[in-house]
Amino acid sequence: MFAQQIINGFVAGSAYALFALGFTLMFGVLGVVNLTYGFYFSAGAYIALFATIKGAPLALALPAAAIGAGLIAVVLDSLLLSRLRRTSAPELASLMVTLGGTLFLYSGMTALFGSEIRRFPIGLIDNAPYNFHGASVSPTQMLIVGTAAVLTLGLIVPLRVTRLGLAMRALAENPDAAELMGIDTHAVMRRVSFISGALGGAAGVLIGLQYNAITPYMGEAMTLKGFAIIILGGLGDIGGALIAGLLIGLLEALTAGYFSSVYKDAIGFLALVLTLWVRPLGLFGRASARRA
């Protein structure tokens, strides 16, 4: 049973970590808590759902969902936040604007698609499990872990070795200095919004596949969990978000397996509170949290 719960926790934690990576990238580089990020999660799941219903294979539906969610993120960032950045509005302004935008977007999605649970087509993935010494792993679980690993590497490696990654890190450190050095900060911000939205949309597809349940407000609960993960890992820390996401997934699985699933969602926030009592900046946070 222990091995099975570790597998389940690692699978869930992989999707959580992917969601949190986009969230912390957006915060670390753009310096805003964008509450519309949860909507990208829901939007990605719905794009993949309708693509598969129309007959598209998952190998096409998942990239389409990530790209679609990324484009939505760019549009919403331009509509809601670009003016606030130009006027140097306080952080609370962006928080309230994106909160209002999120409520509007969720309401609109519910009006369009209804509030009932939707599911991916039967047989989309052959889910015959593979058994290893009493524990089982399904193809869906392997797909979730593999996709999360590829996208994580696809973020971290370019962030460290490409000119765009260097520009993103410079923008995270000091936006004014980055602009004086000739970096097109507005273009970098658009790319950060796209990448973050794409990661959130991909995470929505993976969680939708894991539980085979898609609703308009599924991103709302994930946003709260994402907050807990990025604070636990250290605000703006990519590696911290990755480790904290996996940790929360493992803690949830072990709690559900050995105690009760009733306490599963609470255990992450309990871990957050206990960590902040000891390390107020999170597990990997430093005094300067604005970094990529």
C-alpha atoms as a PDB file:
ATOM      1  CA  MET A   1       0.000   0.000   0.000  1.00  0.00           C
ATOM      2  CA  PHE A   2       2.834   2.369   0.822  1.00  0.00           C
ATOM      3  CA  ALA A   3       4.386   1.971  -2.630  1.00  0.00           C
ATOM      4  CA  GLN A   4       1.033   2.593  -4.297  1.00  0.00           C
ATOM      5  CA  GLN A   5       0.462   5.787  -2.316  1.00  0.00           C
ATOM      6  CA  ILE A   6       3.951   7.021  -3.200  1.00  0.00           C
ATOM      7  CA  ILE A   7       3.175   6.450  -6.888  1.00  0.00           C
ATOM      8  CA  ASN A   8      -0.186   8.204  -6.606  1.00  0.00           C
ATOM      9  CA  GLY A   9       1.382  11.105  -4.719  1.00  0.00           C
ATOM     10  CA  PHE A  10       4.210  11.494  -7.206  1.00  0.00           C
ATOM     11  CA  VAL A  11       1.741  11.565 -10.109  1.00  0.00           C
ATOM     12  CA  ALA A  12      -0.474  14.190  -8.483  1.00  0.00           C
ATOM     13  CA  GLY A  13       2.562  16.157  -7.306  1.00  0.00           C
ATOM     14  CA  SER A  14       3.933  16.267 -10.858  1.00  0.00           C
ATOM     15  CA  ALA A  15       0.786  18.007 -12.087  1.00  0.00           C
ATOM     16  CA  TYR A  16       0.754  20.325  -9.051  1.00  0.00           C
ATOM     17  CA  ALA A  17       4.387  21.229  -9.646  1.00  0.00           C
ATOM     18  CA  LEU A  18       3.721  22.018 -13.304  1.00  0.00           C
ATOM     19  CA  PHE A  19       0.844  24.311 -12.335  1.00  0.00           C
ATOM     20  CA  ALA A  20       2.944  25.992  -9.652  1.00  0.00           C
ATOM     21  CA  LEU A  21       5.886  26.529 -12.026  1.00  0.00           C
ATOM     22  CA  GLY A  22       3.807  28.737 -14.285  1.00  0.00           C
ATOM     23  CA  PHE A  23       2.317  30.537 -11.289  1.00  0.00           C
ATOM     24  CA  THR A  24       5.689  31.277  -9.682  1.00  0.00           C
ATOM     25  CA  LEU A  25       7.239  32.263 -13.034  1.00  0.00           C
ATOM     26  CA  MET A  26       4.492  34.833 -13.503  1.00  0.00           C
ATOM     27  CA  PHE A  27       4.990  36.175  -9.998  1.00  0.00           C
ATOM     28  CA  GLY A  28       8.774  36.059 -10.063  1.00  0.00           C
ATOM     29  CA  VAL A  29       9.200  37.854 -13.399  1.00  0.00           C
ATOM     30  CA  LEU A  30       6.132  40.085 -13.654  1.00  0.00           C
ATOM     31  CA  GLY A  31       5.856  40.778  -9.940  1.00  0.00           C
ATOM     32  CA  VAL A  32       2.068  40.368  -9.789  1.00  0.00           C
ATOM     33  CA  VAL A  33      -0.264  37.853  -8.207  1.00  0.00           C
ATOM     34  CA  ASN A  34      -2.452  37.159 -11.231  1.00  0.00           C
ATOM     35  CA  LEU A  35      -5.630  35.439 -10.057  1.00  0.00           C
ATOM     36  CA  THR A  36      -6.705  34.715 -13.641  1.00  0.00           C
ATOM     37  CA  TYR A  37      -4.028  32.004 -13.678  1.00  0.00           C
ATOM     38  CA  GLY A  38      -6.572  29.458 -12.417  1.00  0.00           C
ATOM     39  CA  PHE A  39      -8.769  30.261 -15.423  1.00  0.00           C
ATOM     40  CA  TYR A  40      -5.971  29.181 -17.773  1.00  0.00           C
ATOM     41  CA  PHE A  41      -6.025  25.829 -15.962  1.00  0.00           C
ATOM     42  CA  SER A  42      -9.754  25.414 -16.660  1.00  0.00           C
ATOM     43  CA  ALA A  43      -9.470  26.752 -20.209  1.00  0.00           C
ATOM     44  CA  GLY A  44      -6.728  24.286 -21.102  1.00  0.00           C
ATOM     45  CA  ALA A  45      -8.821  21.381 -19.822  1.00  0.00           C
ATOM     46  CA  TYR A  46     -11.850  22.469 -21.860  1.00  0.00           C
ATOM     47  CA  ILE A  47      -9.828  23.033 -25.049  1.00  0.00           C
ATOM     48  CA  ALA A  48      -8.417  19.498 -24.805  1.00  0.00           C
ATOM     49  CA  LEU A  49     -11.858  18.108 -23.942  1.00  0.00           C
ATOM     50  CA  PHE A  50     -13.570  19.576 -26.996  1.00  0.00           C
ATOM     51  CA  ALA A  51     -10.632  18.701 -29.252  1.00  0.00           C
ATOM     52  CA  THR A  52     -10.829  15.041 -28.225  1.00  0.00           C
ATOM     53  CA  ILE A  53     -14.614  15.013 -28.557  1.00  0.00           C
ATOM     54  CA  LYS A  54     -14.129  16.184 -32.168  1.00  0.00           C
ATOM     55  CA  GLY A  55     -11.811  13.248 -32.729  1.00  0.00           C
ATOM     56  CA  ALA A  56      -8.375  14.787 -32.204  1.00  0.00           C
ATOM     57  CA  PRO A  57      -5.824  12.456 -30.570  1.00  0.00           C
ATOM     58  CA  LEU A  58      -4.487  13.454 -27.200  1.00  0.00           C
ATOM     59  CA  ALA A  59      -1.049  14.004 -28.769  1.00  0.00           C
ATOM     60  CA  LEU A  60      -2.588  16.986 -30.627  1.00  0.00           C
ATOM     61  CA  ALA A  61      -5.182  18.045 -28.051  1.00  0.00           C
ATOM     62  CA  LEU A  62      -2.690  18.559 -25.230  1.00  0.00           C
ATOM     63  CA  PRO A  63      -0.328  20.897 -27.175  1.00  0.00           C
ATOM     64  CA  ALA A  64      -3.353  22.728 -28.584  1.00  0.00           C
ATOM     65  CA  ALA A  65      -4.676  23.249 -25.059  1.00  0.00           C
ATOM     66  CA  ALA A  66      -1.326  24.581 -23.847  1.00  0.00           C
ATOM     67  CA  ILE A  67      -0.980  26.961 -26.800  1.00  0.00           C
ATOM     68  CA  GLY A  68      -4.599  28.095 -26.505  1.00  0.00           C
ATOM     69  CA  ALA A  69      -4.254  28.786 -22.786  1.00  0.00           C
ATOM     70  CA  GLY A  70      -0.999  30.655 -23.445  1.00  0.00           C
ATOM     71  CA  LEU A  71      -2.664  32.904 -26.010  1.00  0.00           C
ATOM     72  CA  ILE A  72      -5.559  33.559 -23.632  1.00  0.00           C
ATOM     73  CA  ALA A  73      -3.018  34.547 -20.975  1.00  0.00           C
ATOM     74  CA  VAL A  74      -1.372  37.064 -23.321  1.00  0.00           C
ATOM     75  CA  VAL A  75      -4.726  38.631 -24.215  1.00  0.00           C
ATOM     76  CA  LEU A  76      -5.904  38.868 -20.611  1.00  0.00           C
ATOM     77  CA  ASP A  77      -2.568  40.268 -19.442  1.00  0.00           C
ATOM     78  CA  SER A  78      -2.822  42.963 -22.124  1.00  0.00           C
ATOM     79  CA  LEU A  79      -6.419  43.809 -21.234  1.00  0.00           C
ATOM     80  CA  LEU A  80      -6.171  43.721 -17.440  1.00  0.00           C
ATOM     81  CA  LEU A  81      -2.602  44.456 -16.402  1.00  0.00           C
ATOM     82  CA  SER A  82      -0.706  46.367 -19.079  1.00  0.00           C
ATOM     83  CA  ARG A  83      -2.305  49.700 -18.182  1.00  0.00           C
ATOM     84  CA  LEU A  84      -1.601  49.126 -14.485  1.00  0.00           C
ATOM     85  CA  ARG A  85       2.073  48.531 -15.268  1.00  0.00           C
ATOM     86  CA  ARG A  86       2.288  51.727 -17.331  1.00  0.00           C
ATOM     87  CA  THR A  87       0.871  53.772 -14.453  1.00  0.00           C
ATOM     88  CA  SER A  88       2.993  51.949 -11.806  1.00  0.00           C
ATOM     89  CA  ALA A  89      -0.156  50.997  -9.903  1.00  0.00           C
ATOM     90  CA  PRO A  90       0.316  49.307  -6.504  1.00  0.00           C
ATOM     91  CA  GLU A  91       0.280  45.497  -6.310  1.00  0.00           C
ATOM     92  CA  LEU A  92      -3.122  45.537  -4.617  1.00  0.00           C
ATOM     93  CA  ALA A  93      -4.602  47.064  -7.784  1.00  0.00           C
ATOM     94  CA  SER A  94      -3.497  44.125  -9.938  1.00  0.00           C
ATOM     95  CA  LEU A  95      -4.804  41.711  -7.328  1.00  0.00           C
ATOM     96  CA  MET A  96      -8.260  43.291  -7.309  1.00  0.00           C
ATOM     97  CA  VAL A  97      -8.433  43.686 -11.103  1.00  0.00           C
ATOM     98  CA  THR A  98      -7.534  40.053 -11.715  1.00  0.00           C
ATOM     99  CA  LEU A  99      -9.949  38.938  -8.987  1.00  0.00           C
ATOM    100  CA  GLY A 100     -12.780  40.732 -10.775  1.00  0.00           C
ATOM    101  CA  GLY A 101     -11.629  39.361 -14.116  1.00  0.00           C
ATOM    102  CA  THR A 102     -11.527  35.835 -12.730  1.00  0.00           C
ATOM    103  CA  LEU A 103     -15.072  36.010 -11.379  1.00  0.00           C
ATOM    104  CA  PHE A 104     -16.298  37.303 -14.750  1.00  0.00           C
ATOM    105  CA  LEU A 105     -14.416  34.609 -16.703  1.00  0.00           C
ATOM    106  CA  TYR A 106     -15.609  31.728 -14.535  1.00  0.00           C
ATOM    107  CA  SER A 107     -19.187  32.993 -14.762  1.00  0.00           C
ATOM    108  CA  GLY A 108     -18.906  33.282 -18.540  1.00  0.00           C
ATOM    109  CA  MET A 109     -17.481  29.772 -18.858  1.00  0.00           C
ATOM    110  CA  THR A 110     -20.282  28.389 -16.693  1.00  0.00           C
ATOM    111  CA  ALA A 111     -22.887  30.165 -18.820  1.00  0.00           C
ATOM    112  CA  LEU A 112     -21.363  28.726 -22.000  1.00  0.00           C
ATOM    113  CA  PHE A 113     -20.640  25.151 -20.923  1.00  0.00           C
ATOM    114  CA  GLY A 114     -22.799  24.610 -17.854  1.00  0.00           C
ATOM    115  CA  SER A 115     -21.696  23.615 -14.387  1.00  0.00           C
ATOM    116  CA  GLU A 116     -22.015  19.839 -14.808  1.00  0.00           C
ATOM    117  CA  ILE A 117     -18.974  17.592 -14.792  1.00  0.00           C
ATOM    118  CA  ARG A 118     -17.675  16.690 -18.253  1.00  0.00           C
ATOM    119  CA  ARG A 119     -15.440  13.745 -19.063  1.00  0.00           C
ATOM    120  CA  PHE A 120     -12.996  12.809 -21.786  1.00  0.00           C
ATOM    121  CA  PRO A 121     -14.220  10.287 -24.384  1.00  0.00           C
ATOM    122  CA  ILE A 122     -14.117   6.654 -23.312  1.00  0.00           C
ATOM    123  CA  GLY A 123     -11.082   4.852 -24.679  1.00  0.00           C
ATOM    124  CA  LEU A 124      -9.022   8.002 -25.197  1.00  0.00           C
ATOM    125  CA  ILE A 125      -6.178   6.218 -23.394  1.00  0.00           C
ATOM    126  CA  ASP A 126      -5.826   2.477 -22.912  1.00  0.00           C
ATOM    127  CA  ASN A 127      -5.693   2.463 -19.127  1.00  0.00           C
ATOM    128  CA  ALA A 128      -4.770  -1.160 -18.514  1.00  0.00           C
ATOM    129  CA  PRO A 129      -2.435  -0.860 -15.505  1.00  0.00           C
ATOM    130  CA  TYR A 130       1.075  -2.247 -15.219  1.00  0.00           C
ATOM    131  CA  ASN A 131       1.717  -4.089 -11.959  1.00  0.00           C
ATOM    132  CA  PHE A 132       5.038  -3.876 -10.111  1.00  0.00           C
ATOM    133  CA  HIS A 133       5.395  -5.844  -6.855  1.00  0.00           C
ATOM    134  CA  GLY A 134       1.873  -5.117  -5.679  1.00  0.00           C
ATOM    135  CA  ALA A 135       1.671  -1.540  -6.975  1.00  0.00           C
ATOM    136  CA  SER A 136       0.047  -0.519 -10.243  1.00  0.00           C
ATOM    137  CA  VAL A 137       0.803   2.286 -12.674  1.00  0.00           C
ATOM    138  CA  SER A 138      -1.625   3.268 -15.418  1.00  0.00           C
ATOM    139  CA  PRO A 139      -0.692   4.714 -18.826  1.00  0.00           C
ATOM    140  CA  THR A 140      -2.477   7.926 -17.809  1.00  0.00           C
ATOM    141  CA  GLN A 141      -0.245   8.259 -14.768  1.00  0.00           C
ATOM    142  CA  MET A 142       2.867   7.677 -16.869  1.00  0.00           C
ATOM    143  CA  LEU A 143       1.640  10.281 -19.356  1.00  0.00           C
ATOM    144  CA  ILE A 144       1.130  12.822 -16.549  1.00  0.00           C
ATOM    145  CA  VAL A 145       4.591  12.325 -15.082  1.00  0.00           C
ATOM    146  CA  GLY A 146       6.291  12.245 -18.490  1.00  0.00           C
ATOM    147  CA  THR A 147       4.527  15.374 -19.756  1.00  0.00           C
ATOM    148  CA  ALA A 148       5.234  17.278 -16.548  1.00  0.00           C
ATOM    149  CA  ALA A 149       8.908  16.274 -16.706  1.00  0.00           C
ATOM    150  CA  VAL A 150       9.298  17.335 -20.353  1.00  0.00           C
ATOM    151  CA  LEU A 151       7.590  20.695 -19.815  1.00  0.00           C
ATOM    152  CA  THR A 152       9.563  21.348 -16.634  1.00  0.00           C
ATOM    153  CA  LEU A 153      12.849  20.724 -18.424  1.00  0.00           C
ATOM    154  CA  GLY A 154      11.532  22.783 -21.326  1.00  0.00           C
ATOM    155  CA  LEU A 155      11.197  25.712 -18.935  1.00  0.00           C
ATOM    156  CA  ILE A 156      14.244  25.360 -16.696  1.00  0.00           C
ATOM    157  CA  VAL A 157      16.895  24.664 -19.357  1.00  0.00           C
ATOM    158  CA  PRO A 158      16.045  27.630 -21.644  1.00  0.00           C
ATOM    159  CA  LEU A 159      15.668  29.830 -18.575  1.00  0.00           C
ATOM    160  CA  ARG A 160      19.327  29.154 -17.757  1.00  0.00           C
ATOM    161  CA  VAL A 161      21.007  29.005 -21.165  1.00  0.00           C
ATOM    162  CA  THR A 162      19.097  31.180 -23.679  1.00  0.00           C
ATOM    163  CA  ARG A 163      18.995  34.923 -24.300  1.00  0.00           C
ATOM    164  CA  LEU A 164      15.281  34.935 -23.518  1.00  0.00           C
ATOM    165  CA  GLY A 165      15.995  33.219 -20.209  1.00  0.00           C
ATOM    166  CA  LEU A 166      18.671  35.804 -19.425  1.00  0.00           C
ATOM    167  CA  ALA A 167      16.229  38.605 -20.270  1.00  0.00           C
ATOM    168  CA  MET A 168      13.570  37.044 -18.053  1.00  0.00           C
ATOM    169  CA  ARG A 169      15.971  36.777 -15.127  1.00  0.00           C
ATOM    170  CA  ALA A 170      17.120  40.364 -15.656  1.00  0.00           C
ATOM    171  CA  LEU A 171      13.502  41.537 -15.689  1.00  0.00           C
ATOM    172  CA  ALA A 172      12.850  39.607 -12.477  1.00  0.00           C
ATOM    173  CA  GLU A 173      15.824  41.240 -10.760  1.00  0.00           C
ATOM    174  CA  ASN A 174      15.291  44.850 -11.847  1.00  0.00           C
ATOM    175  CA  PRO A 175      12.812  45.874 -14.570  1.00  0.00           C
ATOM    176  CA  ASP A 176      14.178  49.416 -14.887  1.00  0.00           C
ATOM    177  CA  ALA A 177      17.778  48.265 -15.241  1.00  0.00           C
ATOM    178  CA  ALA A 178      16.725  45.604 -17.763  1.00  0.00           C
ATOM    179  CA  GLU A 179      15.057  48.254 -19.925  1.00  0.00           C
ATOM    180  CA  LEU A 180      18.109  50.513 -19.718  1.00  0.00           C
ATOM    181  CA  MET A 181      20.226  47.587 -20.952  1.00  0.00           C
ATOM    182  CA  GLY A 182      18.168  47.458 -24.148  1.00  0.00           C
ATOM    183  CA  ILE A 183      15.806  44.607 -23.254  1.00  0.00           C
ATOM    184  CA  ASP A 184      12.337  44.903 -24.763  1.00  0.00           C
ATOM    185  CA  THR A 185      10.610  44.362 -21.441  1.00  0.00           C
ATOM    186  CA  HIS A 186       7.097  44.450 -22.930  1.00  0.00           C
ATOM    187  CA  ALA A 187       7.950  41.640 -25.362  1.00  0.00           C
ATOM    188  CA  VAL A 188       9.507  39.609 -22.549  1.00  0.00           C
ATOM    189  CA  MET A 189       6.410  40.122 -20.411  1.00  0.00           C
ATOM    190  CA  ARG A 190       4.192  38.838 -23.230  1.00  0.00           C
ATOM    191  CA  ARG A 191       6.361  35.746 -23.582  1.00  0.00           C
ATOM    192  CA  VAL A 192       6.312  35.146 -19.845  1.00  0.00           C
ATOM    193  CA  SER A 193       2.515  35.420 -19.888  1.00  0.00           C
ATOM    194  CA  PHE A 194       2.333  32.947 -22.767  1.00  0.00           C
ATOM    195  CA  ILE A 195       4.672  30.432 -21.124  1.00  0.00           C
ATOM    196  CA  SER A 196       2.895  30.689 -17.774  1.00  0.00           C
ATOM    197  CA  GLY A 197      -0.531  30.314 -19.366  1.00  0.00           C
ATOM    198  CA  ALA A 198       0.664  27.333 -21.414  1.00  0.00           C
ATOM    199  CA  LEU A 199       1.981  25.580 -18.304  1.00  0.00           C
ATOM    200  CA  GLY A 200      -1.281  26.252 -16.470  1.00  0.00           C
ATOM    201  CA  GLY A 201      -3.334  24.980 -19.420  1.00  0.00           C
ATOM    202  CA  ALA A 202      -1.232  21.824 -19.725  1.00  0.00           C
ATOM    203  CA  ALA A 203      -1.620  21.195 -15.987  1.00  0.00           C
ATOM    204  CA  GLY A 204      -5.390  21.503 -16.408  1.00  0.00           C
ATOM    205  CA  VAL A 205      -5.365  18.780 -19.058  1.00  0.00           C
ATOM    206  CA  LEU A 206      -3.247  16.486 -16.867  1.00  0.00           C
ATOM    207  CA  ILE A 207      -5.461  16.923 -13.804  1.00  0.00           C
ATOM    208  CA  GLY A 208      -8.529  16.459 -16.019  1.00  0.00           C
ATOM    209  CA  LEU A 209      -7.084  13.176 -17.263  1.00  0.00           C
ATOM    210  CA  GLN A 210      -6.106  12.062 -13.760  1.00  0.00           C
ATOM    211  CA  TYR A 211      -9.604  12.468 -12.307  1.00  0.00           C
ATOM    212  CA  ASN A 212     -11.568  12.515 -15.606  1.00  0.00           C
ATOM    213  CA  ALA A 213     -13.691  15.356 -14.284  1.00  0.00           C
ATOM    214  CA  ILE A 214     -13.741  18.825 -15.863  1.00  0.00           C
ATOM    215  CA  THR A 215     -15.767  21.783 -14.586  1.00  0.00           C
ATOM    216  CA  PRO A 216     -15.489  25.563 -15.093  1.00  0.00           C
ATOM    217  CA  TYR A 217     -14.431  26.165 -11.489  1.00  0.00           C
ATOM    218  CA  MET A 218     -11.771  23.460 -11.333  1.00  0.00           C
ATOM    219  CA  GLY A 219      -9.124  26.177 -11.601  1.00  0.00           C
ATOM    220  CA  GLU A 220     -10.411  27.939  -8.493  1.00  0.00           C
ATOM    221  CA  ALA A 221      -9.374  25.134  -6.124  1.00  0.00           C
ATOM    222  CA  MET A 222      -6.067  24.728  -7.939  1.00  0.00           C
ATOM    223  CA  THR A 223      -5.314  28.412  -7.520  1.00  0.00           C
ATOM    224  CA  LEU A 224      -5.554  28.055  -3.732  1.00  0.00           C
ATOM    225  CA  LYS A 225      -3.331  24.986  -3.875  1.00  0.00           C
ATOM    226  CA  GLY A 226      -0.932  26.830  -6.173  1.00  0.00           C
ATOM    227  CA  PHE A 227      -0.680  29.658  -3.635  1.00  0.00           C
ATOM    228  CA  ALA A 228       0.198  27.175  -0.924  1.00  0.00           C
ATOM    229  CA  ILE A 229       2.848  25.533  -3.099  1.00  0.00           C
ATOM    230  CA  ILE A 230       4.634  28.688  -4.231  1.00  0.00           C
ATOM    231  CA  ILE A 231       4.651  30.129  -0.710  1.00  0.00           C
ATOM    232  CA  LEU A 232       5.837  26.825   0.732  1.00  0.00           C
ATOM    233  CA  GLY A 233       8.615  26.593  -1.852  1.00  0.00           C
ATOM    234  CA  GLY A 234       9.572  30.263  -1.613  1.00  0.00           C
ATOM    235  CA  LEU A 235       7.987  33.065  -3.614  1.00  0.00           C
ATOM    236  CA  GLY A 236       9.510  33.362  -7.076  1.00  0.00           C
ATOM    237  CA  ASP A 237      11.730  30.271  -6.705  1.00  0.00           C
ATOM    238  CA  ILE A 238      11.330  27.850  -9.621  1.00  0.00           C
ATOM    239  CA  GLY A 239      13.114  24.951  -7.922  1.00  0.00           C
ATOM    240  CA  GLY A 240      11.200  25.534  -4.709  1.00  0.00           C
ATOM    241  CA  ALA A 241       7.859  25.384  -6.539  1.00  0.00           C
ATOM    242  CA  LEU A 242       8.871  22.105  -8.181  1.00  0.00           C
ATOM    243  CA  ILE A 243       9.883  20.442  -4.902  1.00  0.00           C
ATOM    244  CA  ALA A 244       6.934  21.839  -2.949  1.00  0.00           C
ATOM    245  CA  GLY A 245       4.464  20.621  -5.591  1.00  0.00           C
ATOM    246  CA  LEU A 246       5.824  17.079  -5.380  1.00  0.00           C
ATOM    247  CA  LEU A 247       5.832  17.267  -1.575  1.00  0.00           C
ATOM    248  CA  ILE A 248       2.192  18.356  -1.405  1.00  0.00           C
ATOM    249  CA  GLY A 249       1.181  15.564  -3.773  1.00  0.00           C
ATOM    250  CA  LEU A 250       2.946  12.949  -1.624  1.00  0.00           C
ATOM    251  CA  LEU A 251       1.482  14.306   1.616  1.00  0.00           C
ATOM    252  CA  GLU A 252      -2.034  14.262   0.148  1.00  0.00           C
ATOM    253  CA  ALA A 253      -1.692  10.684  -1.092  1.00  0.00           C
ATOM    254  CA  LEU A 254      -0.311   9.399   2.211  1.00  0.00           C
ATOM    255  CA  THR A 255      -3.015  11.226   4.163  1.00  0.00           C
ATOM    256  CA  ALA A 256      -5.768   9.780   1.950  1.00  0.00           C
ATOM    257  CA  GLY A 257      -4.270   6.307   2.099  1.00  0.00           C
ATOM    258  CA  TYR A 258      -3.576   6.031   5.827  1.00  0.00           C
ATOM    259  CA  PHE A 259      -6.123   8.398   7.371  1.00  0.00           C
ATOM    260  CA  SER A 260      -8.983   9.760   5.287  1.00  0.00           C
ATOM    261  CA  SER A 261      -9.435  11.575   1.995  1.00  0.00           C
ATOM    262  CA  VAL A 262     -11.472  14.137   3.964  1.00  0.00           C
ATOM    263  CA  TYR A 263      -8.216  15.588   5.279  1.00  0.00           C
ATOM    264  CA  LYS A 264      -6.341  15.409   1.980  1.00  0.00           C
ATOM    265  CA  ASP A 265      -6.810  19.022   0.909  1.00  0.00           C
ATOM    266  CA  ALA A 266      -6.128  20.377   4.404  1.00  0.00           C
ATOM    267  CA  ILE A 267      -2.741  18.687   4.825  1.00  0.00           C
ATOM    268  CA  GLY A 268      -1.021  20.963   2.310  1.00  0.00           C
ATOM    269  CA  PHE A 269      -2.132  24.088   4.120  1.00  0.00           C
ATOM    270  CA  LEU A 270      -1.113  22.568   7.457  1.00  0.00           C
ATOM    271  CA  ALA A 271       2.350  21.936   6.007  1.00  0.00           C
ATOM    272  CA  LEU A 272       2.391  25.540   4.781  1.00  0.00           C
ATOM    273  CA  VAL A 273       1.573  26.944   8.221  1.00  0.00           C
ATOM    274  CA  LEU A 274       4.128  24.750   9.998  1.00  0.00           C
ATOM    275  CA  THR A 275       6.828  25.670   7.476  1.00  0.00           C
ATOM    276  CA  LEU A 276       6.166  29.404   7.708  1.00  0.00           C
ATOM    277  CA  TRP A 277       6.400  29.271  11.495  1.00  0.00           C
ATOM    278  CA  VAL A 278       9.950  27.979  11.096  1.00  0.00           C
ATOM    279  CA  ARG A 279      10.936  29.606   7.777  1.00  0.00           C
ATOM    280  CA  PRO A 280       8.769  32.671   7.001  1.00  0.00           C
ATOM    281  CA  LEU A 281      10.238  32.900   3.478  1.00  0.00           C
ATOM    282  CA  GLY A 282       9.379  29.286   2.629  1.00  0.00           C
ATOM    283  CA  LEU A 283      11.602  26.250   2.230  1.00  0.00           C
ATOM    284  CA  PHE A 284      13.852  27.817  -0.402  1.00  0.00           C
ATOM    285  CA  GLY A 285      12.943  31.494  -0.157  1.00  0.00           C
ATOM    286  CA  ARG A 286      15.575  34.157   0.224  1.00  0.00           C
ATOM    287  CA  ALA A 287      15.434  37.769   1.320  1.00  0.00           C
ATOM    288  CA  SER A 288      15.064  38.833  -2.331  1.00  0.00           C
ATOM    289  CA  ALA A 289      12.148  36.857  -3.714  1.00  0.00           C
ATOM    290  CA  ARG A 290      11.790  38.609  -7.086  1.00  0.00           C
ATOM    291  CA  ARG A 291      13.803  36.259  -9.206  1.00  0.00           C
ATOM    292  CA  ALA A 292      13.123  33.758 -11.972  1.00  0.00           C
END
